[in-house]
């Protein structure tokens, strides 16, 4: 299945397949907060990042995270990825430090992956 580009809702079955492909309980995803698209799946955040860059995304708008669909809605998104280490963009850590960016990442994940009241079968 590899990496999917989302600009609309993914099915719970596709999400489960993406989780099962590499990590089982979660999937990596990368968001272009300006274009409002998600690249989801793959082994490395850098692979999804490369897909977005090839599609014309700008580096400053790309942020990586992990998605845990089996957790409760408040704890599904983990804002950590090596691609987030960007001191020039005021983010010297693996975790996204800007609350506004975190909110945008969460909002897009809830729109395209799972809404807070949705889940996937275990």
PDB file of N, CA and C in Angstrom:
ATOM      1  N   UNK A   1       0.833  -1.194   0.000  1.00  0.00           N
ATOM      2  CA  UNK A   1       0.000   0.000   0.000  1.00  0.00           C
ATOM      3  C   UNK A   1       0.876   1.255   0.000  1.00  0.00           C
ATOM      4  N   UNK A   2       1.950   1.240   0.765  1.00  0.00           N
ATOM      5  CA  UNK A   2       2.926   2.319   0.762  1.00  0.00           C
ATOM      6  C   UNK A   2       2.342   3.652   1.228  1.00  0.00           C
ATOM      7  N   UNK A   3       2.718   4.754   0.573  1.00  0.00           N
ATOM      8  CA  UNK A   3       2.300   6.085   0.997  1.00  0.00           C
ATOM      9  C   UNK A   3       1.097   6.539   0.182  1.00  0.00           C
ATOM     10  N   UNK A   4       0.106   7.061   0.888  1.00  0.00           N
ATOM     11  CA  UNK A   4      -1.090   7.597   0.246  1.00  0.00           C
ATOM     12  C   UNK A   4      -1.136   9.104   0.489  1.00  0.00           C
ATOM     13  N   UNK A   5      -1.553   9.836  -0.530  1.00  0.00           N
ATOM     14  CA  UNK A   5      -1.756  11.274  -0.398  1.00  0.00           C
ATOM     15  C   UNK A   5      -3.242  11.501  -0.161  1.00  0.00           C
ATOM     16  N   UNK A   6      -3.558  12.187   0.932  1.00  0.00           N
ATOM     17  CA  UNK A   6      -4.945  12.419   1.298  1.00  0.00           C
ATOM     18  C   UNK A   6      -5.316  13.890   1.168  1.00  0.00           C
ATOM     19  N   UNK A   7      -6.370  14.132   0.427  1.00  0.00           N
ATOM     20  CA  UNK A   7      -7.010  15.448   0.452  1.00  0.00           C
ATOM     21  C   UNK A   7      -8.505  15.262   0.664  1.00  0.00           C
ATOM     22  N   UNK A   8      -8.860  14.020   1.036  1.00  0.00           N
ATOM     23  CA  UNK A   8     -10.206  13.700   1.497  1.00  0.00           C
ATOM     24  C   UNK A   8     -10.105  12.487   2.419  1.00  0.00           C
ATOM     25  N   UNK A   9     -11.211  12.066   2.962  1.00  0.00           N
ATOM     26  CA  UNK A   9     -11.266  11.051   4.021  1.00  0.00           C
ATOM     27  C   UNK A   9     -10.769   9.672   3.561  1.00  0.00           C
ATOM     28  N   UNK A  10      -9.925   9.062   4.391  1.00  0.00           N
ATOM     29  CA  UNK A  10      -9.465   7.698   4.173  1.00  0.00           C
ATOM     30  C   UNK A  10     -10.467   6.754   4.856  1.00  0.00           C
ATOM     31  N   UNK A  11     -10.628   5.544   4.328  1.00  0.00           N
ATOM     32  CA  UNK A  11     -11.545   4.595   4.964  1.00  0.00           C
ATOM     33  C   UNK A  11     -10.862   3.943   6.169  1.00  0.00           C
ATOM     34  N   UNK A  12     -11.631   3.520   7.150  1.00  0.00           N
ATOM     35  CA  UNK A  12     -11.045   2.817   8.296  1.00  0.00           C
ATOM     36  C   UNK A  12     -10.258   1.571   7.881  1.00  0.00           C
ATOM     37  N   UNK A  13     -10.711   0.895   6.841  1.00  0.00           N
ATOM     38  CA  UNK A  13     -10.010  -0.294   6.353  1.00  0.00           C
ATOM     39  C   UNK A  13      -8.636   0.061   5.776  1.00  0.00           C
ATOM     40  N   UNK A  14      -8.567   1.144   5.005  1.00  0.00           N
ATOM     41  CA  UNK A  14      -7.283   1.594   4.467  1.00  0.00           C
ATOM     42  C   UNK A  14      -6.335   2.006   5.591  1.00  0.00           C
ATOM     43  N   UNK A  15      -6.874   2.692   6.586  1.00  0.00           N
ATOM     44  CA  UNK A  15      -6.071   3.107   7.730  1.00  0.00           C
ATOM     45  C   UNK A  15      -5.495   1.893   8.446  1.00  0.00           C
ATOM     46  N   UNK A  16      -6.316   0.892   8.648  1.00  0.00           N
ATOM     47  CA  UNK A  16      -5.857  -0.326   9.312  1.00  0.00           C
ATOM     48  C   UNK A  16      -4.762  -1.015   8.490  1.00  0.00           C
ATOM     49  N   UNK A  17      -4.924  -1.061   7.172  1.00  0.00           N
ATOM     50  CA  UNK A  17      -3.898  -1.646   6.300  1.00  0.00           C
ATOM     51  C   UNK A  17      -2.583  -0.876   6.406  1.00  0.00           C
ATOM     52  N   UNK A  18      -2.664   0.456   6.431  1.00  0.00           N
ATOM     53  CA  UNK A  18      -1.457   1.269   6.552  1.00  0.00           C
ATOM     54  C   UNK A  18      -0.754   1.023   7.882  1.00  0.00           C
ATOM     55  N   UNK A  19      -1.510   0.893   8.949  1.00  0.00           N
ATOM     56  CA  UNK A  19      -0.920   0.584  10.256  1.00  0.00           C
ATOM     57  C   UNK A  19      -0.229  -0.777  10.219  1.00  0.00           C
ATOM     58  N   UNK A  20      -0.930  -1.753   9.682  1.00  0.00           N
ATOM     59  CA  UNK A  20      -0.417  -3.128   9.660  1.00  0.00           C
ATOM     60  C   UNK A  20       0.827  -3.280   8.795  1.00  0.00           C
ATOM     61  N   UNK A  21       0.983  -2.411   7.791  1.00  0.00           N
ATOM     62  CA  UNK A  21       2.093  -2.542   6.852  1.00  0.00           C
ATOM     63  C   UNK A  21       3.465  -2.445   7.523  1.00  0.00           C
ATOM     64  N   UNK A  22       3.618  -1.554   8.517  1.00  0.00           N
ATOM     65  CA  UNK A  22       4.928  -1.395   9.156  1.00  0.00           C
ATOM     66  C   UNK A  22       4.914  -1.546  10.673  1.00  0.00           C
ATOM     67  N   UNK A  23       3.996  -0.897  11.360  1.00  0.00           N
ATOM     68  CA  UNK A  23       4.123  -0.762  12.810  1.00  0.00           C
ATOM     69  C   UNK A  23       3.004  -1.400  13.622  1.00  0.00           C
ATOM     70  N   UNK A  24       1.912  -1.766  12.994  1.00  0.00           N
ATOM     71  CA  UNK A  24       0.825  -2.442  13.695  1.00  0.00           C
ATOM     72  C   UNK A  24      -0.133  -1.531  14.418  1.00  0.00           C
ATOM     73  N   UNK A  25       0.368  -0.776  15.382  1.00  0.00           N
ATOM     74  CA  UNK A  25      -0.528   0.040  16.212  1.00  0.00           C
ATOM     75  C   UNK A  25      -0.568   1.518  15.817  1.00  0.00           C
ATOM     76  N   UNK A  26       0.271   1.914  14.881  1.00  0.00           N
ATOM     77  CA  UNK A  26       0.268   3.312  14.451  1.00  0.00           C
ATOM     78  C   UNK A  26       0.772   3.436  13.023  1.00  0.00           C
ATOM     79  N   UNK A  27       0.633   4.636  12.483  1.00  0.00           N
ATOM     80  CA  UNK A  27       1.116   4.943  11.147  1.00  0.00           C
ATOM     81  C   UNK A  27       1.764   6.330  11.189  1.00  0.00           C
ATOM     82  N   UNK A  28       2.798   6.504  10.387  1.00  0.00           N
ATOM     83  CA  UNK A  28       3.448   7.813  10.288  1.00  0.00           C
ATOM     84  C   UNK A  28       2.715   8.639   9.244  1.00  0.00           C
ATOM     85  N   UNK A  29       2.642   9.952   9.505  1.00  0.00           N
ATOM     86  CA  UNK A  29       2.050  10.834   8.506  1.00  0.00           C
ATOM     87  C   UNK A  29       2.733  12.186   8.524  1.00  0.00           C
ATOM     88  N   UNK A  30       2.633  12.874   7.392  1.00  0.00           N
ATOM     89  CA  UNK A  30       3.247  14.181   7.210  1.00  0.00           C
ATOM     90  C   UNK A  30       2.184  15.099   6.614  1.00  0.00           C
ATOM     91  N   UNK A  31       2.107  16.308   7.152  1.00  0.00           N
ATOM     92  CA  UNK A  31       1.076  17.265   6.752  1.00  0.00           C
ATOM     93  C   UNK A  31       1.706  18.478   6.096  1.00  0.00           C
ATOM     94  N   UNK A  32       1.126  18.915   4.993  1.00  0.00           N
ATOM     95  CA  UNK A  32       1.420  20.234   4.444  1.00  0.00           C
ATOM     96  C   UNK A  32       0.310  21.129   4.974  1.00  0.00           C
ATOM     97  N   UNK A  33       0.645  21.969   5.953  1.00  0.00           N
ATOM     98  CA  UNK A  33      -0.374  22.778   6.618  1.00  0.00           C
ATOM     99  C   UNK A  33      -0.896  23.902   5.722  1.00  0.00           C
ATOM    100  N   UNK A  34      -0.164  24.252   4.686  1.00  0.00           N
ATOM    101  CA  UNK A  34      -0.609  25.300   3.758  1.00  0.00           C
ATOM    102  C   UNK A  34      -1.560  24.725   2.703  1.00  0.00           C
ATOM    103  N   UNK A  35      -1.168  23.616   2.079  1.00  0.00           N
ATOM    104  CA  UNK A  35      -1.994  22.992   1.038  1.00  0.00           C
ATOM    105  C   UNK A  35      -3.104  22.118   1.615  1.00  0.00           C
ATOM    106  N   UNK A  36      -3.008  21.847   2.922  1.00  0.00           N
ATOM    107  CA  UNK A  36      -3.989  21.024   3.631  1.00  0.00           C
ATOM    108  C   UNK A  36      -4.109  19.624   3.027  1.00  0.00           C
ATOM    109  N   UNK A  37      -2.944  18.978   2.875  1.00  0.00           N
ATOM    110  CA  UNK A  37      -2.905  17.594   2.417  1.00  0.00           C
ATOM    111  C   UNK A  37      -2.036  16.785   3.376  1.00  0.00           C
ATOM    112  N   UNK A  38      -2.264  15.482   3.371  1.00  0.00           N
ATOM    113  CA  UNK A  38      -1.526  14.565   4.224  1.00  0.00           C
ATOM    114  C   UNK A  38      -0.911  13.473   3.364  1.00  0.00           C
ATOM    115  N   UNK A  39       0.345  13.145   3.647  1.00  0.00           N
ATOM    116  CA  UNK A  39       0.982  11.947   3.102  1.00  0.00           C
ATOM    117  C   UNK A  39       1.064  10.974   4.270  1.00  0.00           C
ATOM    118  N   UNK A  40       0.439   9.813   4.127  1.00  0.00           N
ATOM    119  CA  UNK A  40       0.348   8.862   5.231  1.00  0.00           C
ATOM    120  C   UNK A  40       0.880   7.508   4.799  1.00  0.00           C
ATOM    121  N   UNK A  41       1.605   6.861   5.727  1.00  0.00           N
ATOM    122  CA  UNK A  41       2.159   5.539   5.453  1.00  0.00           C
ATOM    123  C   UNK A  41       3.657   5.588   5.233  1.00  0.00           C
ATOM    124  N   UNK A  42       4.214   4.429   4.973  1.00  0.00           N
ATOM    125  CA  UNK A  42       5.646   4.320   4.747  1.00  0.00           C
ATOM    126  C   UNK A  42       6.395   4.049   6.034  1.00  0.00           C
ATOM    127  N   UNK A  43       7.664   3.757   5.876  1.00  0.00           N
ATOM    128  CA  UNK A  43       8.496   3.421   7.030  1.00  0.00           C
ATOM    129  C   UNK A  43       9.075   4.648   7.720  1.00  0.00           C
ATOM    130  N   UNK A  44       9.377   5.685   6.943  1.00  0.00           N
ATOM    131  CA  UNK A  44      10.009   6.894   7.482  1.00  0.00           C
ATOM    132  C   UNK A  44       9.171   8.129   7.162  1.00  0.00           C
ATOM    133  N   UNK A  45       9.168   9.077   8.080  1.00  0.00           N
ATOM    134  CA  UNK A  45       8.525  10.359   7.790  1.00  0.00           C
ATOM    135  C   UNK A  45       9.165  11.002   6.561  1.00  0.00           C
ATOM    136  N   UNK A  46      10.457  10.799   6.400  1.00  0.00           N
ATOM    137  CA  UNK A  46      11.178  11.393   5.277  1.00  0.00           C
ATOM    138  C   UNK A  46      10.645  10.912   3.930  1.00  0.00           C
ATOM    139  N   UNK A  47      10.140   9.681   3.867  1.00  0.00           N
ATOM    140  CA  UNK A  47       9.562   9.172   2.616  1.00  0.00           C
ATOM    141  C   UNK A  47       8.296   9.940   2.257  1.00  0.00           C
ATOM    142  N   UNK A  48       7.435  10.153   3.242  1.00  0.00           N
ATOM    143  CA  UNK A  48       6.205  10.917   3.007  1.00  0.00           C
ATOM    144  C   UNK A  48       6.529  12.385   2.720  1.00  0.00           C
ATOM    145  N   UNK A  49       7.525  12.910   3.421  1.00  0.00           N
ATOM    146  CA  UNK A  49       7.979  14.279   3.176  1.00  0.00           C
ATOM    147  C   UNK A  49       8.424  14.435   1.722  1.00  0.00           C
ATOM    148  N   UNK A  50       9.192  13.475   1.221  1.00  0.00           N
ATOM    149  CA  UNK A  50       9.673  13.525  -0.162  1.00  0.00           C
ATOM    150  C   UNK A  50       8.513  13.526  -1.157  1.00  0.00           C
ATOM    151  N   UNK A  51       7.478  12.759  -0.866  1.00  0.00           N
ATOM    152  CA  UNK A  51       6.290  12.730  -1.739  1.00  0.00           C
ATOM    153  C   UNK A  51       5.658  14.118  -1.827  1.00  0.00           C
ATOM    154  N   UNK A  52       5.532  14.783  -0.684  1.00  0.00           N
ATOM    155  CA  UNK A  52       4.927  16.122  -0.685  1.00  0.00           C
ATOM    156  C   UNK A  52       5.823  17.138  -1.379  1.00  0.00           C
ATOM    157  N   UNK A  53       7.125  17.053  -1.158  1.00  0.00           N
ATOM    158  CA  UNK A  53       8.047  17.978  -1.826  1.00  0.00           C
ATOM    159  C   UNK A  53       7.988  17.806  -3.345  1.00  0.00           C
ATOM    160  N   UNK A  54       7.877  16.550  -3.803  1.00  0.00           N
ATOM    161  CA  UNK A  54       7.760  16.283  -5.242  1.00  0.00           C
ATOM    162  C   UNK A  54       6.476  16.863  -5.820  1.00  0.00           C
ATOM    163  N   UNK A  55       5.472  17.025  -4.983  1.00  0.00           N
ATOM    164  CA  UNK A  55       4.192  17.573  -5.426  1.00  0.00           C
ATOM    165  C   UNK A  55       4.117  19.085  -5.245  1.00  0.00           C
ATOM    166  N   UNK A  56       5.245  19.710  -4.911  1.00  0.00           N
ATOM    167  CA  UNK A  56       5.295  21.163  -4.853  1.00  0.00           C
ATOM    168  C   UNK A  56       5.127  21.791  -3.480  1.00  0.00           C
ATOM    169  N   UNK A  57       5.084  20.974  -2.438  1.00  0.00           N
ATOM    170  CA  UNK A  57       4.997  21.534  -1.090  1.00  0.00           C
ATOM    171  C   UNK A  57       6.298  22.237  -0.729  1.00  0.00           C
ATOM    172  N   UNK A  58       6.208  23.229   0.126  1.00  0.00           N
ATOM    173  CA  UNK A  58       7.389  23.937   0.610  1.00  0.00           C
ATOM    174  C   UNK A  58       7.782  23.361   1.971  1.00  0.00           C
ATOM    175  N   UNK A  59       9.079  23.198   2.185  1.00  0.00           N
ATOM    176  CA  UNK A  59       9.597  22.586   3.403  1.00  0.00           C
ATOM    177  C   UNK A  59       9.036  23.227   4.669  1.00  0.00           C
ATOM    178  N   UNK A  60       8.927  24.543   4.696  1.00  0.00           N
ATOM    179  CA  UNK A  60       8.481  25.236   5.906  1.00  0.00           C
ATOM    180  C   UNK A  60       7.047  24.886   6.304  1.00  0.00           C
ATOM    181  N   UNK A  61       6.273  24.312   5.369  1.00  0.00           N
ATOM    182  CA  UNK A  61       4.878  23.974   5.629  1.00  0.00           C
ATOM    183  C   UNK A  61       4.665  22.496   5.954  1.00  0.00           C
ATOM    184  N   UNK A  62       5.737  21.712   5.964  1.00  0.00           N
ATOM    185  CA  UNK A  62       5.630  20.259   6.141  1.00  0.00           C
ATOM    186  C   UNK A  62       6.027  19.874   7.563  1.00  0.00           C
ATOM    187  N   UNK A  63       5.136  19.102   8.221  1.00  0.00           N
ATOM    188  CA  UNK A  63       5.366  18.669   9.597  1.00  0.00           C
ATOM    189  C   UNK A  63       4.996  17.204   9.757  1.00  0.00           C
ATOM    190  N   UNK A  64       5.814  16.469  10.502  1.00  0.00           N
ATOM    191  CA  UNK A  64       5.588  15.040  10.684  1.00  0.00           C
ATOM    192  C   UNK A  64       4.988  14.698  12.033  1.00  0.00           C
ATOM    193  N   UNK A  65       4.237  13.602  12.051  1.00  0.00           N
ATOM    194  CA  UNK A  65       3.604  13.127  13.276  1.00  0.00           C
ATOM    195  C   UNK A  65       3.319  11.633  13.151  1.00  0.00           C
ATOM    196  N   UNK A  66       2.880  11.042  14.242  1.00  0.00           N
ATOM    197  CA  UNK A  66       2.463   9.640  14.266  1.00  0.00           C
ATOM    198  C   UNK A  66       1.003   9.594  14.661  1.00  0.00           C
ATOM    199  N   UNK A  67       0.281   8.623  14.094  1.00  0.00           N
ATOM    200  CA  UNK A  67      -1.152   8.510  14.354  1.00  0.00           C
ATOM    201  C   UNK A  67      -1.460   7.140  14.938  1.00  0.00           C
ATOM    202  N   UNK A  68      -2.066   7.137  16.123  1.00  0.00           N
ATOM    203  CA  UNK A  68      -2.414   5.922  16.858  1.00  0.00           C
ATOM    204  C   UNK A  68      -3.942   5.761  16.876  1.00  0.00           C
ATOM    205  N   UNK A  69      -4.515   5.084  15.884  1.00  0.00           N
ATOM    206  CA  UNK A  69      -5.974   5.017  15.774  1.00  0.00           C
ATOM    207  C   UNK A  69      -6.673   4.223  16.870  1.00  0.00           C
ATOM    208  N   UNK A  70      -5.937   3.385  17.587  1.00  0.00           N
ATOM    209  CA  UNK A  70      -6.557   2.556  18.623  1.00  0.00           C
ATOM    210  C   UNK A  70      -6.620   3.260  19.981  1.00  0.00           C
ATOM    211  N   UNK A  71      -6.033   4.427  20.075  1.00  0.00           N
ATOM    212  CA  UNK A  71      -6.092   5.211  21.312  1.00  0.00           C
ATOM    213  C   UNK A  71      -7.356   6.060  21.337  1.00  0.00           C
ATOM    214  N   UNK A  72      -7.648   6.630  22.519  1.00  0.00           N
ATOM    215  CA  UNK A  72      -8.767   7.565  22.597  1.00  0.00           C
ATOM    216  C   UNK A  72      -8.408   8.811  21.781  1.00  0.00           C
ATOM    217  N   UNK A  73      -9.425   9.532  21.334  1.00  0.00           N
ATOM    218  CA  UNK A  73      -9.258  10.636  20.383  1.00  0.00           C
ATOM    219  C   UNK A  73      -8.228  11.678  20.825  1.00  0.00           C
ATOM    220  N   UNK A  74      -8.171  11.986  22.115  1.00  0.00           N
ATOM    221  CA  UNK A  74      -7.244  13.002  22.618  1.00  0.00           C
ATOM    222  C   UNK A  74      -5.772  12.592  22.496  1.00  0.00           C
ATOM    223  N   UNK A  75      -5.509  11.298  22.428  1.00  0.00           N
ATOM    224  CA  UNK A  75      -4.122  10.805  22.430  1.00  0.00           C
ATOM    225  C   UNK A  75      -3.708  10.126  21.134  1.00  0.00           C
ATOM    226  N   UNK A  76      -4.420  10.359  20.059  1.00  0.00           N
ATOM    227  CA  UNK A  76      -4.118   9.696  18.786  1.00  0.00           C
ATOM    228  C   UNK A  76      -2.922  10.291  18.054  1.00  0.00           C
ATOM    229  N   UNK A  77      -2.708  11.592  18.194  1.00  0.00           N
ATOM    230  CA  UNK A  77      -1.639  12.258  17.437  1.00  0.00           C
ATOM    231  C   UNK A  77      -0.442  12.494  18.339  1.00  0.00           C
ATOM    232  N   UNK A  78       0.714  12.047  17.875  1.00  0.00           N
ATOM    233  CA  UNK A  78       1.996  12.299  18.541  1.00  0.00           C
ATOM    234  C   UNK A  78       2.806  13.174  17.583  1.00  0.00           C
ATOM    235  N   UNK A  79       3.143  14.359  18.013  1.00  0.00           N
ATOM    236  CA  UNK A  79       3.748  15.375  17.142  1.00  0.00           C
ATOM    237  C   UNK A  79       5.269  15.260  17.064  1.00  0.00           C
ATOM    238  N   UNK A  80       5.780  14.070  16.850  1.00  0.00           N
ATOM    239  CA  UNK A  80       7.213  13.829  16.888  1.00  0.00           C
ATOM    240  C   UNK A  80       7.697  13.192  15.589  1.00  0.00           C
ATOM    241  N   UNK A  81       8.749  13.764  15.015  1.00  0.00           N
ATOM    242  CA  UNK A  81       9.380  13.215  13.811  1.00  0.00           C
ATOM    243  C   UNK A  81      10.740  13.877  13.621  1.00  0.00           C
ATOM    244  N   UNK A  82      11.675  13.134  13.098  1.00  0.00           N
ATOM    245  CA  UNK A  82      12.999  13.705  12.820  1.00  0.00           C
ATOM    246  C   UNK A  82      12.907  14.885  11.858  1.00  0.00           C
ATOM    247  N   UNK A  83      11.978  14.831  10.917  1.00  0.00           N
ATOM    248  CA  UNK A  83      11.877  15.922   9.936  1.00  0.00           C
ATOM    249  C   UNK A  83      11.441  17.236  10.568  1.00  0.00           C
ATOM    250  N   UNK A  84      10.973  17.199  11.813  1.00  0.00           N
ATOM    251  CA  UNK A  84      10.546  18.423  12.495  1.00  0.00           C
ATOM    252  C   UNK A  84      11.718  19.217  13.072  1.00  0.00           C
ATOM    253  N   UNK A  85      12.893  18.633  13.121  1.00  0.00           N
ATOM    254  CA  UNK A  85      14.064  19.349  13.661  1.00  0.00           C
ATOM    255  C   UNK A  85      14.494  20.386  12.627  1.00  0.00           C
ATOM    256  N   UNK A  86      14.074  21.625  12.862  1.00  0.00           N
ATOM    257  CA  UNK A  86      14.361  22.712  11.927  1.00  0.00           C
ATOM    258  C   UNK A  86      14.579  24.004  12.707  1.00  0.00           C
ATOM    259  N   UNK A  87      15.767  24.199  13.227  1.00  0.00           N
ATOM    260  CA  UNK A  87      16.048  25.422  13.996  1.00  0.00           C
ATOM    261  C   UNK A  87      15.736  26.706  13.225  1.00  0.00           C
ATOM    262  N   UNK A  88      15.955  26.701  11.916  1.00  0.00           N
ATOM    263  CA  UNK A  88      15.698  27.918  11.122  1.00  0.00           C
ATOM    264  C   UNK A  88      14.214  28.286  11.111  1.00  0.00           C
ATOM    265  N   UNK A  89      13.353  27.303  11.404  1.00  0.00           N
ATOM    266  CA  UNK A  89      11.914  27.548  11.490  1.00  0.00           C
ATOM    267  C   UNK A  89      11.446  27.572  12.947  1.00  0.00           C
ATOM    268  N   UNK A  90      12.379  27.882  13.857  1.00  0.00           N
ATOM    269  CA  UNK A  90      12.095  27.970  15.294  1.00  0.00           C
ATOM    270  C   UNK A  90      11.582  26.666  15.886  1.00  0.00           C
ATOM    271  N   UNK A  91      12.055  25.533  15.342  1.00  0.00           N
ATOM    272  CA  UNK A  91      11.667  24.229  15.889  1.00  0.00           C
ATOM    273  C   UNK A  91      12.929  23.371  16.008  1.00  0.00           C
ATOM    274  N   UNK A  92      13.687  23.540  17.109  1.00  0.00           N
ATOM    275  CA  UNK A  92      14.946  22.816  17.268  1.00  0.00           C
ATOM    276  C   UNK A  92      14.794  21.389  17.805  1.00  0.00           C
ATOM    277  N   UNK A  93      13.560  20.908  17.929  1.00  0.00           N
ATOM    278  CA  UNK A  93      13.304  19.591  18.527  1.00  0.00           C
ATOM    279  C   UNK A  93      12.566  18.686  17.541  1.00  0.00           C
ATOM    280  N   UNK A  94      12.502  17.383  17.888  1.00  0.00           N
ATOM    281  CA  UNK A  94      11.725  16.440  17.084  1.00  0.00           C
ATOM    282  C   UNK A  94      10.227  16.708  17.226  1.00  0.00           C
ATOM    283  N   UNK A  95       9.815  17.223  18.355  1.00  0.00           N
ATOM    284  CA  UNK A  95       8.402  17.509  18.595  1.00  0.00           C
ATOM    285  C   UNK A  95       8.040  18.877  18.018  1.00  0.00           C
ATOM    286  N   UNK A  96       6.849  18.985  17.450  1.00  0.00           N
ATOM    287  CA  UNK A  96       6.369  20.282  16.973  1.00  0.00           C
ATOM    288  C   UNK A  96       6.107  21.148  18.204  1.00  0.00           C
ATOM    289  N   UNK A  97       6.768  22.299  18.278  1.00  0.00           N
ATOM    290  CA  UNK A  97       6.689  23.147  19.455  1.00  0.00           C
ATOM    291  C   UNK A  97       5.631  24.246  19.351  1.00  0.00           C
ATOM    292  N   UNK A  98       5.202  24.569  18.161  1.00  0.00           N
ATOM    293  CA  UNK A  98       4.230  25.637  17.948  1.00  0.00           C
ATOM    294  C   UNK A  98       2.812  25.091  18.111  1.00  0.00           C
ATOM    295  N   UNK A  99       2.068  25.637  19.071  1.00  0.00           N
ATOM    296  CA  UNK A  99       0.709  25.165  19.349  1.00  0.00           C
ATOM    297  C   UNK A  99      -0.230  25.337  18.157  1.00  0.00           C
ATOM    298  N   UNK A 100      -0.049  26.395  17.382  1.00  0.00           N
ATOM    299  CA  UNK A 100      -0.906  26.618  16.215  1.00  0.00           C
ATOM    300  C   UNK A 100      -0.671  25.552  15.150  1.00  0.00           C
ATOM    301  N   UNK A 101       0.591  25.178  14.952  1.00  0.00           N
ATOM    302  CA  UNK A 101       0.904  24.121  13.983  1.00  0.00           C
ATOM    303  C   UNK A 101       0.339  22.793  14.471  1.00  0.00           C
ATOM    304  N   UNK A 102       0.491  22.504  15.753  1.00  0.00           N
ATOM    305  CA  UNK A 102      -0.084  21.272  16.314  1.00  0.00           C
ATOM    306  C   UNK A 102      -1.591  21.231  16.095  1.00  0.00           C
ATOM    307  N   UNK A 103      -2.256  22.347  16.310  1.00  0.00           N
ATOM    308  CA  UNK A 103      -3.709  22.408  16.126  1.00  0.00           C
ATOM    309  C   UNK A 103      -4.091  22.150  14.672  1.00  0.00           C
ATOM    310  N   UNK A 104      -3.317  22.671  13.746  1.00  0.00           N
ATOM    311  CA  UNK A 104      -3.591  22.461  12.316  1.00  0.00           C
ATOM    312  C   UNK A 104      -3.370  20.998  11.944  1.00  0.00           C
ATOM    313  N   UNK A 105      -2.286  20.394  12.453  1.00  0.00           N
ATOM    314  CA  UNK A 105      -2.007  18.980  12.187  1.00  0.00           C
ATOM    315  C   UNK A 105      -3.158  18.122  12.722  1.00  0.00           C
ATOM    316  N   UNK A 106      -3.581  18.391  13.949  1.00  0.00           N
ATOM    317  CA  UNK A 106      -4.698  17.633  14.553  1.00  0.00           C
ATOM    318  C   UNK A 106      -5.980  17.817  13.743  1.00  0.00           C
ATOM    319  N   UNK A 107      -6.271  19.037  13.368  1.00  0.00           N
ATOM    320  CA  UNK A 107      -7.490  19.322  12.617  1.00  0.00           C
ATOM    321  C   UNK A 107      -7.533  18.550  11.302  1.00  0.00           C
ATOM    322  N   UNK A 108      -6.429  18.548  10.574  1.00  0.00           N
ATOM    323  CA  UNK A 108      -6.382  17.816   9.308  1.00  0.00           C
ATOM    324  C   UNK A 108      -6.453  16.311   9.539  1.00  0.00           C
ATOM    325  N   UNK A 109      -5.814  15.812  10.594  1.00  0.00           N
ATOM    326  CA  UNK A 109      -5.898  14.386  10.920  1.00  0.00           C
ATOM    327  C   UNK A 109      -7.344  14.005  11.235  1.00  0.00           C
ATOM    328  N   UNK A 110      -8.047  14.853  11.962  1.00  0.00           N
ATOM    329  CA  UNK A 110      -9.447  14.564  12.294  1.00  0.00           C
ATOM    330  C   UNK A 110     -10.349  14.645  11.064  1.00  0.00           C
ATOM    331  N   UNK A 111      -9.974  15.478  10.107  1.00  0.00           N
ATOM    332  CA  UNK A 111     -10.769  15.611   8.881  1.00  0.00           C
ATOM    333  C   UNK A 111     -10.520  14.459   7.909  1.00  0.00           C
ATOM    334  N   UNK A 112      -9.253  14.061   7.737  1.00  0.00           N
ATOM    335  CA  UNK A 112      -8.892  13.093   6.695  1.00  0.00           C
ATOM    336  C   UNK A 112      -8.646  11.670   7.201  1.00  0.00           C
ATOM    337  N   UNK A 113      -8.357  11.520   8.498  1.00  0.00           N
ATOM    338  CA  UNK A 113      -8.032  10.182   9.007  1.00  0.00           C
ATOM    339  C   UNK A 113      -9.200   9.661   9.840  1.00  0.00           C
ATOM    340  N   UNK A 114      -9.333  10.109  11.079  1.00  0.00           N
ATOM    341  CA  UNK A 114     -10.465   9.718  11.913  1.00  0.00           C
ATOM    342  C   UNK A 114     -10.982  10.928  12.679  1.00  0.00           C
ATOM    343  N   UNK A 115     -12.272  11.133  12.647  1.00  0.00           N
ATOM    344  CA  UNK A 115     -12.886  12.165  13.481  1.00  0.00           C
ATOM    345  C   UNK A 115     -12.835  11.686  14.928  1.00  0.00           C
ATOM    346  N   UNK A 116     -12.925  12.587  15.890  1.00  0.00           N
ATOM    347  CA  UNK A 116     -12.834  12.194  17.303  1.00  0.00           C
ATOM    348  C   UNK A 116     -13.836  11.107  17.725  1.00  0.00           C
ATOM    349  N   UNK A 117     -14.988  11.070  17.077  1.00  0.00           N
ATOM    350  CA  UNK A 117     -16.004  10.075  17.449  1.00  0.00           C
ATOM    351  C   UNK A 117     -15.935   8.798  16.616  1.00  0.00           C
ATOM    352  N   UNK A 118     -14.904   8.657  15.794  1.00  0.00           N
ATOM    353  CA  UNK A 118     -14.735   7.463  14.951  1.00  0.00           C
ATOM    354  C   UNK A 118     -13.642   6.570  15.499  1.00  0.00           C
ATOM    355  N   UNK A 119     -13.642   5.334  15.051  1.00  0.00           N
ATOM    356  CA  UNK A 119     -12.595   4.382  15.407  1.00  0.00           C
ATOM    357  C   UNK A 119     -12.469   3.347  14.315  1.00  0.00           C
ATOM    358  N   UNK A 120     -11.500   2.450  14.482  1.00  0.00           N
ATOM    359  CA  UNK A 120     -11.369   1.329  13.566  1.00  0.00           C
ATOM    360  C   UNK A 120     -11.431   0.049  14.388  1.00  0.00           C
ATOM    361  N   UNK A 121     -11.885  -1.037  13.781  1.00  0.00           N
ATOM    362  CA  UNK A 121     -11.995  -2.294  14.519  1.00  0.00           C
ATOM    363  C   UNK A 121     -10.632  -2.786  14.997  1.00  0.00           C
ATOM    364  N   UNK A 122     -10.590  -3.364  16.169  1.00  0.00           N
ATOM    365  CA  UNK A 122      -9.321  -3.897  16.693  1.00  0.00           C
ATOM    366  C   UNK A 122      -9.169  -5.347  16.351  1.00  0.00           C
TER     367      UNK A 122
END
